[in-house]
Amino acid sequence: MARVTTEIKDHIAHVTLTRADKRNAVDPAMAEALVSTGQALSEADIRAVVLSGEGRAFCAGLDVMSFAQLAAGDPEALCLPRTHGTGNLFQAVVMVWRDLPVPVIAALHGAVYGAGFQLALGADVRIAAPDTELAIMEMKWGLIPDMGGMALLPKLTRSDVIRRMTYTARPVSAVQARDWGLVTELADDPLAMARDLASEIAGKSPAAIRAAKRLIGLAESGADEAAVLMAESREQAALIGKPDQMEQIAANLAGRAPVFRG
């Protein structure tokens, strides 16, 4: 049975975790499916991605039993090989979404624990239902977060927040997560809001949106000020007067929706 489904409509990829009977817990098959889906979308003609989960939860974490069988072998052979760029398979589950050239919006509900929490961190924007619970759950199993969380969390929140959540594995409410910068906003229907936001983004210049994501990523990477300023200038020079920008201007002046040719 498919662990992940993708539907592309109006230049938006709707990616859904479909293991609802297990609250979308990530087993090896889902890990592979998430990575292959993200890799395929990196080459697709899309302008935004909506990431969501079927059933009662976005993702309740790792399927502990299935991964316990893998770890029973050689843990170093499981974790240390850099099989996916700078990371391993488990890290690619998260980082593949961060690395997509278009914005990714995660719609969160129910449990967003462990692997699910880190998966959500790979998105550009996280919209959560008010009763969502989020947790860095790995300490419950005597482990640490190892799916890219420590590369992404320091860009979103304070060190003391990261430490409290990591050390205790205690779930926090969506309201608290929003106050700590881990959730962008709350919505009674996060999937509907995520789709609306994706549609709004898809109506903007595709070239400018991709340039903006590259530039924000560079600025967050710790690049020095001179490098960021030069990147601003290079990206802007590559946009001015080009077809997407000219169509955006023409549409604004005519009071119509733009039609980008790709």
C-alpha atoms as a PDB file:
ATOM      1  CA  MET A   1       0.000   0.000   0.000  1.00  0.00           C
ATOM      2  CA  ALA A   2       1.266   3.486  -0.874  1.00  0.00           C
ATOM      3  CA  ARG A   3       2.650   5.405   2.094  1.00  0.00           C
ATOM      4  CA  VAL A   4       2.598   8.787   0.341  1.00  0.00           C
ATOM      5  CA  THR A   5       0.397  10.158  -2.441  1.00  0.00           C
ATOM      6  CA  THR A   6       0.970  13.184  -4.658  1.00  0.00           C
ATOM      7  CA  GLU A   7      -1.546  15.149  -6.701  1.00  0.00           C
ATOM      8  CA  ILE A   8      -0.413  18.112  -8.773  1.00  0.00           C
ATOM      9  CA  LYS A   9      -3.167  20.605  -9.556  1.00  0.00           C
ATOM     10  CA  ASP A  10      -2.825  24.205 -10.706  1.00  0.00           C
ATOM     11  CA  HIS A  11       0.958  24.039 -10.182  1.00  0.00           C
ATOM     12  CA  ILE A  12       0.548  22.964  -6.539  1.00  0.00           C
ATOM     13  CA  ALA A  13       1.754  19.554  -5.351  1.00  0.00           C
ATOM     14  CA  HIS A  14      -0.514  18.095  -2.666  1.00  0.00           C
ATOM     15  CA  VAL A  15       1.588  15.512  -0.808  1.00  0.00           C
ATOM     16  CA  THR A  16      -0.258  13.351   1.704  1.00  0.00           C
ATOM     17  CA  LEU A  17       0.986  10.801   4.220  1.00  0.00           C
ATOM     18  CA  THR A  18      -1.457   7.894   3.863  1.00  0.00           C
ATOM     19  CA  ARG A  19      -0.682   5.487   6.700  1.00  0.00           C
ATOM     20  CA  ALA A  20      -3.658   6.663   8.723  1.00  0.00           C
ATOM     21  CA  ASP A  21      -4.122   3.360  10.601  1.00  0.00           C
ATOM     22  CA  LYS A  22      -0.707   3.950  12.203  1.00  0.00           C
ATOM     23  CA  ARG A  23      -1.197   7.713  12.663  1.00  0.00           C
ATOM     24  CA  ASN A  24       1.226   8.081   9.733  1.00  0.00           C
ATOM     25  CA  ALA A  25       4.147   6.668  11.718  1.00  0.00           C
ATOM     26  CA  VAL A  26       7.269   6.584   9.565  1.00  0.00           C
ATOM     27  CA  ASP A  27       8.486   3.093   8.724  1.00  0.00           C
ATOM     28  CA  PRO A  28      11.298   2.347   6.240  1.00  0.00           C
ATOM     29  CA  ALA A  29       8.841   2.230   3.324  1.00  0.00           C
ATOM     30  CA  MET A  30       7.427   5.660   4.196  1.00  0.00           C
ATOM     31  CA  ALA A  31      10.926   7.081   4.660  1.00  0.00           C
ATOM     32  CA  GLU A  32      11.877   5.940   1.167  1.00  0.00           C
ATOM     33  CA  ALA A  33       8.578   7.228  -0.243  1.00  0.00           C
ATOM     34  CA  LEU A  34       8.974  10.676   1.304  1.00  0.00           C
ATOM     35  CA  VAL A  35      12.498  11.040  -0.036  1.00  0.00           C
ATOM     36  CA  SER A  36      11.660   9.809  -3.539  1.00  0.00           C
ATOM     37  CA  THR A  37       8.589  12.066  -3.640  1.00  0.00           C
ATOM     38  CA  GLY A  38      10.588  15.122  -2.635  1.00  0.00           C
ATOM     39  CA  GLN A  39      13.320  14.318  -5.136  1.00  0.00           C
ATOM     40  CA  ALA A  40      10.786  13.924  -7.955  1.00  0.00           C
ATOM     41  CA  LEU A  41       9.127  17.231  -7.094  1.00  0.00           C
ATOM     42  CA  SER A  42      12.460  19.052  -7.265  1.00  0.00           C
ATOM     43  CA  GLU A  43      12.262  18.644 -11.048  1.00  0.00           C
ATOM     44  CA  ALA A  44       8.497  19.166 -11.416  1.00  0.00           C
ATOM     45  CA  ASP A  45       6.704  22.189 -12.868  1.00  0.00           C
ATOM     46  CA  ILE A  46       5.251  23.309  -9.540  1.00  0.00           C
ATOM     47  CA  ARG A  47       5.060  26.549  -7.596  1.00  0.00           C
ATOM     48  CA  ALA A  48       4.241  25.325  -4.071  1.00  0.00           C
ATOM     49  CA  VAL A  49       3.767  22.155  -2.026  1.00  0.00           C
ATOM     50  CA  VAL A  50       1.148  21.338   0.611  1.00  0.00           C
ATOM     51  CA  LEU A  51       2.267  18.581   2.992  1.00  0.00           C
ATOM     52  CA  SER A  52      -0.373  16.889   5.160  1.00  0.00           C
ATOM     53  CA  GLY A  53      -1.364  13.616   6.788  1.00  0.00           C
ATOM     54  CA  GLU A  54      -4.530  11.536   6.560  1.00  0.00           C
ATOM     55  CA  GLY A  55      -6.533  10.445   9.568  1.00  0.00           C
ATOM     56  CA  ARG A  56      -6.126  11.498  13.197  1.00  0.00           C
ATOM     57  CA  ALA A  57      -2.584  12.836  13.063  1.00  0.00           C
ATOM     58  CA  PHE A  58      -0.083  14.528  10.804  1.00  0.00           C
ATOM     59  CA  CYS A  59       2.615  12.075  11.894  1.00  0.00           C
ATOM     60  CA  ALA A  60       3.048  10.426  15.292  1.00  0.00           C
ATOM     61  CA  GLY A  61       6.763   9.724  14.807  1.00  0.00           C
ATOM     62  CA  LEU A  62       8.830   6.708  13.850  1.00  0.00           C
ATOM     63  CA  ASP A  63       7.346   3.244  13.670  1.00  0.00           C
ATOM     64  CA  VAL A  64       9.587   2.126  16.517  1.00  0.00           C
ATOM     65  CA  MET A  65       9.206  -1.612  15.974  1.00  0.00           C
ATOM     66  CA  SER A  66      10.150  -1.500  12.306  1.00  0.00           C
ATOM     67  CA  PHE A  67      13.260   0.577  12.948  1.00  0.00           C
ATOM     68  CA  ALA A  68      14.221  -1.493  15.988  1.00  0.00           C
ATOM     69  CA  GLN A  69      14.739  -4.418  13.626  1.00  0.00           C
ATOM     70  CA  LEU A  70      17.148  -2.331  11.551  1.00  0.00           C
ATOM     71  CA  ALA A  71      19.026  -1.037  14.585  1.00  0.00           C
ATOM     72  CA  ALA A  72      19.485  -4.579  15.864  1.00  0.00           C
ATOM     73  CA  GLY A  73      22.230  -4.890  13.270  1.00  0.00           C
ATOM     74  CA  ASP A  74      25.060  -2.356  13.126  1.00  0.00           C
ATOM     75  CA  PRO A  75      23.888   1.088  14.348  1.00  0.00           C
ATOM     76  CA  GLU A  76      26.914   2.824  12.821  1.00  0.00           C
ATOM     77  CA  ALA A  77      26.219   1.247   9.435  1.00  0.00           C
ATOM     78  CA  LEU A  78      22.617   2.428   9.771  1.00  0.00           C
ATOM     79  CA  CYS A  79      23.365   6.030  10.747  1.00  0.00           C
ATOM     80  CA  LEU A  80      26.811   7.136   9.647  1.00  0.00           C
ATOM     81  CA  PRO A  81      27.025   6.582   5.854  1.00  0.00           C
ATOM     82  CA  ARG A  82      26.240   9.790   3.953  1.00  0.00           C
ATOM     83  CA  THR A  83      23.891   8.145   1.459  1.00  0.00           C
ATOM     84  CA  HIS A  84      21.889  11.280   0.572  1.00  0.00           C
ATOM     85  CA  GLY A  85      24.201  14.243   0.028  1.00  0.00           C
ATOM     86  CA  THR A  86      25.370  15.467   3.422  1.00  0.00           C
ATOM     87  CA  GLY A  87      22.977  13.180   5.314  1.00  0.00           C
ATOM     88  CA  ASN A  88      21.546   9.691   5.625  1.00  0.00           C
ATOM     89  CA  LEU A  89      18.118   8.390   4.597  1.00  0.00           C
ATOM     90  CA  PHE A  90      16.430   9.526   7.798  1.00  0.00           C
ATOM     91  CA  GLN A  91      17.818  13.042   7.527  1.00  0.00           C
ATOM     92  CA  ALA A  92      16.822  13.198   3.858  1.00  0.00           C
ATOM     93  CA  VAL A  93      13.197  12.524   4.900  1.00  0.00           C
ATOM     94  CA  VAL A  94      13.221  16.043   6.345  1.00  0.00           C
ATOM     95  CA  MET A  95      15.874  17.931   4.425  1.00  0.00           C
ATOM     96  CA  VAL A  96      14.494  17.028   0.995  1.00  0.00           C
ATOM     97  CA  TRP A  97      11.554  19.370   1.719  1.00  0.00           C
ATOM     98  CA  ARG A  98      13.795  22.174   3.001  1.00  0.00           C
ATOM     99  CA  ASP A  99      15.832  21.846  -0.178  1.00  0.00           C
ATOM    100  CA  LEU A 100      12.930  22.032  -2.636  1.00  0.00           C
ATOM    101  CA  PRO A 101      13.183  25.185  -4.770  1.00  0.00           C
ATOM    102  CA  VAL A 102       9.555  26.155  -4.040  1.00  0.00           C
ATOM    103  CA  PRO A 103       7.743  26.927  -0.767  1.00  0.00           C
ATOM    104  CA  VAL A 104       6.457  23.976   1.271  1.00  0.00           C
ATOM    105  CA  ILE A 105       3.482  24.491   3.596  1.00  0.00           C
ATOM    106  CA  ALA A 106       2.778  21.864   6.259  1.00  0.00           C
ATOM    107  CA  ALA A 107      -0.787  21.419   7.552  1.00  0.00           C
ATOM    108  CA  LEU A 108      -0.537  20.000  11.075  1.00  0.00           C
ATOM    109  CA  HIS A 109      -3.148  18.288  13.220  1.00  0.00           C
ATOM    110  CA  GLY A 110      -3.308  15.727  15.972  1.00  0.00           C
ATOM    111  CA  ALA A 111       0.080  14.345  16.975  1.00  0.00           C
ATOM    112  CA  VAL A 112       3.209  15.878  15.462  1.00  0.00           C
ATOM    113  CA  TYR A 113       5.814  13.854  17.312  1.00  0.00           C
ATOM    114  CA  GLY A 114       9.428  12.885  16.776  1.00  0.00           C
ATOM    115  CA  ALA A 115       9.972  12.182  13.094  1.00  0.00           C
ATOM    116  CA  GLY A 116       6.714  14.004  12.349  1.00  0.00           C
ATOM    117  CA  PHE A 117       7.886  17.085  14.222  1.00  0.00           C
ATOM    118  CA  GLN A 118      11.180  17.108  12.338  1.00  0.00           C
ATOM    119  CA  LEU A 119       9.368  16.530   9.036  1.00  0.00           C
ATOM    120  CA  ALA A 120       7.281  19.627   9.747  1.00  0.00           C
ATOM    121  CA  LEU A 121      10.479  21.597  10.391  1.00  0.00           C
ATOM    122  CA  GLY A 122      11.493  20.959   6.777  1.00  0.00           C
ATOM    123  CA  ALA A 123       8.571  23.087   5.582  1.00  0.00           C
ATOM    124  CA  ASP A 124       8.761  26.828   4.967  1.00  0.00           C
ATOM    125  CA  VAL A 125       5.483  27.441   6.829  1.00  0.00           C
ATOM    126  CA  ARG A 126       3.631  25.371   9.459  1.00  0.00           C
ATOM    127  CA  ILE A 127      -0.108  25.850  10.008  1.00  0.00           C
ATOM    128  CA  ALA A 128      -1.577  23.918  12.935  1.00  0.00           C
ATOM    129  CA  ALA A 129      -5.005  23.160  14.346  1.00  0.00           C
ATOM    130  CA  PRO A 130      -5.378  24.651  17.841  1.00  0.00           C
ATOM    131  CA  ASP A 131      -5.482  21.204  19.507  1.00  0.00           C
ATOM    132  CA  THR A 132      -2.333  19.936  17.772  1.00  0.00           C
ATOM    133  CA  GLU A 133       0.433  18.621  20.020  1.00  0.00           C
ATOM    134  CA  LEU A 134       4.105  18.767  19.038  1.00  0.00           C
ATOM    135  CA  ALA A 135       7.024  16.966  20.621  1.00  0.00           C
ATOM    136  CA  ILE A 136      10.680  16.124  20.231  1.00  0.00           C
ATOM    137  CA  MET A 137       9.860  12.569  21.301  1.00  0.00           C
ATOM    138  CA  GLU A 138      13.176  10.757  20.850  1.00  0.00           C
ATOM    139  CA  MET A 139      14.295  10.978  24.494  1.00  0.00           C
ATOM    140  CA  LYS A 140      11.308   8.802  25.427  1.00  0.00           C
ATOM    141  CA  TRP A 141      13.134   5.975  23.653  1.00  0.00           C
ATOM    142  CA  GLY A 142      16.605   6.861  24.945  1.00  0.00           C
ATOM    143  CA  LEU A 143      17.546   8.590  21.688  1.00  0.00           C
ATOM    144  CA  ILE A 144      18.193  12.071  20.342  1.00  0.00           C
ATOM    145  CA  PRO A 145      16.540  13.809  17.373  1.00  0.00           C
ATOM    146  CA  ASP A 146      18.618  12.790  14.361  1.00  0.00           C
ATOM    147  CA  MET A 147      16.539  13.626  11.286  1.00  0.00           C
ATOM    148  CA  GLY A 148      17.817  17.133  10.705  1.00  0.00           C
ATOM    149  CA  GLY A 149      16.125  18.677  13.715  1.00  0.00           C
ATOM    150  CA  MET A 150      19.329  20.083  15.139  1.00  0.00           C
ATOM    151  CA  ALA A 151      20.181  21.706  11.816  1.00  0.00           C
ATOM    152  CA  LEU A 152      16.768  23.379  11.601  1.00  0.00           C
ATOM    153  CA  LEU A 153      15.576  24.116  15.143  1.00  0.00           C
ATOM    154  CA  PRO A 154      18.219  26.762  15.991  1.00  0.00           C
ATOM    155  CA  LYS A 155      16.947  28.839  13.057  1.00  0.00           C
ATOM    156  CA  LEU A 156      13.432  28.872  14.524  1.00  0.00           C
ATOM    157  CA  THR A 157      13.611  29.124  18.302  1.00  0.00           C
ATOM    158  CA  ARG A 158      15.754  29.704  21.394  1.00  0.00           C
ATOM    159  CA  SER A 159      18.333  27.309  22.802  1.00  0.00           C
ATOM    160  CA  ASP A 160      16.451  26.889  26.089  1.00  0.00           C
ATOM    161  CA  VAL A 161      13.294  25.867  24.229  1.00  0.00           C
ATOM    162  CA  ILE A 162      15.208  23.284  22.195  1.00  0.00           C
ATOM    163  CA  ARG A 163      16.824  21.921  25.351  1.00  0.00           C
ATOM    164  CA  ARG A 164      13.571  21.714  27.322  1.00  0.00           C
ATOM    165  CA  MET A 165      11.746  19.915  24.528  1.00  0.00           C
ATOM    166  CA  THR A 166      14.676  17.582  23.813  1.00  0.00           C
ATOM    167  CA  TYR A 167      15.464  16.687  27.422  1.00  0.00           C
ATOM    168  CA  THR A 168      11.855  16.007  28.471  1.00  0.00           C
ATOM    169  CA  ALA A 169      10.126  14.653  25.319  1.00  0.00           C
ATOM    170  CA  ARG A 170       7.056  16.406  26.717  1.00  0.00           C
ATOM    171  CA  PRO A 171       4.447  17.429  24.104  1.00  0.00           C
ATOM    172  CA  VAL A 172       3.589  21.108  23.835  1.00  0.00           C
ATOM    173  CA  SER A 173       0.413  22.703  22.567  1.00  0.00           C
ATOM    174  CA  ALA A 174       0.156  24.375  19.192  1.00  0.00           C
ATOM    175  CA  VAL A 175      -0.371  27.691  20.987  1.00  0.00           C
ATOM    176  CA  GLN A 176       2.890  27.269  22.906  1.00  0.00           C
ATOM    177  CA  ALA A 177       4.680  26.115  19.753  1.00  0.00           C
ATOM    178  CA  ARG A 178       3.469  29.234  17.953  1.00  0.00           C
ATOM    179  CA  ASP A 179       4.713  31.445  20.760  1.00  0.00           C
ATOM    180  CA  TRP A 180       8.106  29.734  20.514  1.00  0.00           C
ATOM    181  CA  GLY A 181       8.315  30.203  16.735  1.00  0.00           C
ATOM    182  CA  LEU A 182       7.819  26.535  15.844  1.00  0.00           C
ATOM    183  CA  VAL A 183       4.348  27.028  14.330  1.00  0.00           C
ATOM    184  CA  THR A 184       3.597  29.885  11.959  1.00  0.00           C
ATOM    185  CA  GLU A 185      -0.114  30.265  12.720  1.00  0.00           C
ATOM    186  CA  LEU A 186      -3.194  28.427  13.952  1.00  0.00           C
ATOM    187  CA  ALA A 187      -6.312  27.545  11.974  1.00  0.00           C
ATOM    188  CA  ASP A 188      -9.408  25.493  12.709  1.00  0.00           C
ATOM    189  CA  ASP A 189      -8.901  23.887   9.299  1.00  0.00           C
ATOM    190  CA  PRO A 190      -5.131  23.937   8.722  1.00  0.00           C
ATOM    191  CA  LEU A 191      -5.325  22.010   5.457  1.00  0.00           C
ATOM    192  CA  ALA A 192      -7.772  24.502   3.954  1.00  0.00           C
ATOM    193  CA  MET A 193      -5.577  27.409   5.049  1.00  0.00           C
ATOM    194  CA  ALA A 194      -2.468  25.684   3.710  1.00  0.00           C
ATOM    195  CA  ARG A 195      -4.141  25.170   0.349  1.00  0.00           C
ATOM    196  CA  ASP A 196      -5.288  28.793   0.244  1.00  0.00           C
ATOM    197  CA  LEU A 197      -1.779  30.000   1.028  1.00  0.00           C
ATOM    198  CA  ALA A 198      -0.273  27.712  -1.606  1.00  0.00           C
ATOM    199  CA  SER A 199      -2.749  29.051  -4.155  1.00  0.00           C
ATOM    200  CA  GLU A 200      -1.797  32.630  -3.272  1.00  0.00           C
ATOM    201  CA  ILE A 201       1.903  31.816  -3.653  1.00  0.00           C
ATOM    202  CA  ALA A 202       1.264  30.020  -6.955  1.00  0.00           C
ATOM    203  CA  GLY A 203      -0.258  33.234  -8.276  1.00  0.00           C
ATOM    204  CA  LYS A 204       2.993  35.149  -7.793  1.00  0.00           C
ATOM    205  CA  SER A 205       5.957  35.234 -10.178  1.00  0.00           C
ATOM    206  CA  PRO A 206       7.451  31.709 -10.114  1.00  0.00           C
ATOM    207  CA  ALA A 207      10.921  33.068 -10.813  1.00  0.00           C
ATOM    208  CA  ALA A 208      10.685  35.590  -7.977  1.00  0.00           C
ATOM    209  CA  ILE A 209       9.331  33.035  -5.493  1.00  0.00           C
ATOM    210  CA  ARG A 210      12.208  30.636  -6.228  1.00  0.00           C
ATOM    211  CA  ALA A 211      14.715  33.465  -5.991  1.00  0.00           C
ATOM    212  CA  ALA A 212      13.231  34.522  -2.651  1.00  0.00           C
ATOM    213  CA  LYS A 213      13.544  30.995  -1.245  1.00  0.00           C
ATOM    214  CA  ARG A 214      17.178  30.773  -2.365  1.00  0.00           C
ATOM    215  CA  LEU A 215      17.953  34.153  -0.847  1.00  0.00           C
ATOM    216  CA  ILE A 216      16.268  33.415   2.480  1.00  0.00           C
ATOM    217  CA  GLY A 217      18.109  30.106   2.660  1.00  0.00           C
ATOM    218  CA  LEU A 218      21.436  31.832   2.088  1.00  0.00           C
ATOM    219  CA  ALA A 219      20.674  34.481   4.705  1.00  0.00           C
ATOM    220  CA  GLU A 220      19.800  31.766   7.241  1.00  0.00           C
ATOM    221  CA  SER A 221      22.931  29.782   6.469  1.00  0.00           C
ATOM    222  CA  GLY A 222      25.224  32.164   8.327  1.00  0.00           C
ATOM    223  CA  ALA A 223      26.739  33.631   5.170  1.00  0.00           C
ATOM    224  CA  ASP A 224      28.483  36.917   5.819  1.00  0.00           C
ATOM    225  CA  GLU A 225      26.774  40.223   5.151  1.00  0.00           C
ATOM    226  CA  ALA A 226      28.709  40.928   1.963  1.00  0.00           C
ATOM    227  CA  ALA A 227      27.694  37.572   0.487  1.00  0.00           C
ATOM    228  CA  VAL A 228      24.027  38.151   1.299  1.00  0.00           C
ATOM    229  CA  LEU A 229      24.072  41.669  -0.151  1.00  0.00           C
ATOM    230  CA  MET A 230      25.692  40.408  -3.355  1.00  0.00           C
ATOM    231  CA  ALA A 231      23.153  37.565  -3.572  1.00  0.00           C
ATOM    232  CA  GLU A 232      20.322  40.103  -3.261  1.00  0.00           C
ATOM    233  CA  SER A 233      21.777  42.060  -6.161  1.00  0.00           C
ATOM    234  CA  ARG A 234      22.398  39.025  -8.363  1.00  0.00           C
ATOM    235  CA  GLU A 235      18.930  37.602  -7.805  1.00  0.00           C
ATOM    236  CA  GLN A 236      17.271  40.952  -8.471  1.00  0.00           C
ATOM    237  CA  ALA A 237      19.271  41.536 -11.646  1.00  0.00           C
ATOM    238  CA  ALA A 238      18.186  38.111 -12.907  1.00  0.00           C
ATOM    239  CA  LEU A 239      14.500  39.031 -12.388  1.00  0.00           C
ATOM    240  CA  ILE A 240      14.247  42.583 -13.715  1.00  0.00           C
ATOM    241  CA  GLY A 241      12.713  42.793 -17.166  1.00  0.00           C
ATOM    242  CA  LYS A 242      12.333  39.037 -17.550  1.00  0.00           C
ATOM    243  CA  PRO A 243       9.045  37.423 -18.700  1.00  0.00           C
ATOM    244  CA  ASP A 244       7.685  36.586 -15.242  1.00  0.00           C
ATOM    245  CA  GLN A 245       8.295  40.081 -13.927  1.00  0.00           C
ATOM    246  CA  MET A 246       6.853  41.748 -17.033  1.00  0.00           C
ATOM    247  CA  GLU A 247       3.735  39.581 -16.797  1.00  0.00           C
ATOM    248  CA  GLN A 248       3.361  40.457 -13.100  1.00  0.00           C
ATOM    249  CA  ILE A 249       3.533  44.161 -13.957  1.00  0.00           C
ATOM    250  CA  ALA A 250       1.099  43.836 -16.864  1.00  0.00           C
ATOM    251  CA  ALA A 251      -1.382  41.909 -14.727  1.00  0.00           C
ATOM    252  CA  ASN A 252      -1.172  44.464 -11.904  1.00  0.00           C
ATOM    253  CA  LEU A 253      -1.814  47.347 -14.314  1.00  0.00           C
ATOM    254  CA  ALA A 254      -4.701  45.531 -16.000  1.00  0.00           C
ATOM    255  CA  GLY A 255      -6.253  44.409 -12.741  1.00  0.00           C
ATOM    256  CA  ARG A 256      -6.200  40.732 -13.745  1.00  0.00           C
ATOM    257  CA  ALA A 257      -4.599  37.541 -12.580  1.00  0.00           C
ATOM    258  CA  PRO A 258      -1.166  36.958 -14.110  1.00  0.00           C
ATOM    259  CA  VAL A 259      -0.609  34.077 -16.528  1.00  0.00           C
ATOM    260  CA  PHE A 260       2.959  32.812 -16.256  1.00  0.00           C
ATOM    261  CA  ARG A 261       4.303  30.756 -19.138  1.00  0.00           C
ATOM    262  CA  GLY A 262       6.978  28.861 -17.224  1.00  0.00           C
END
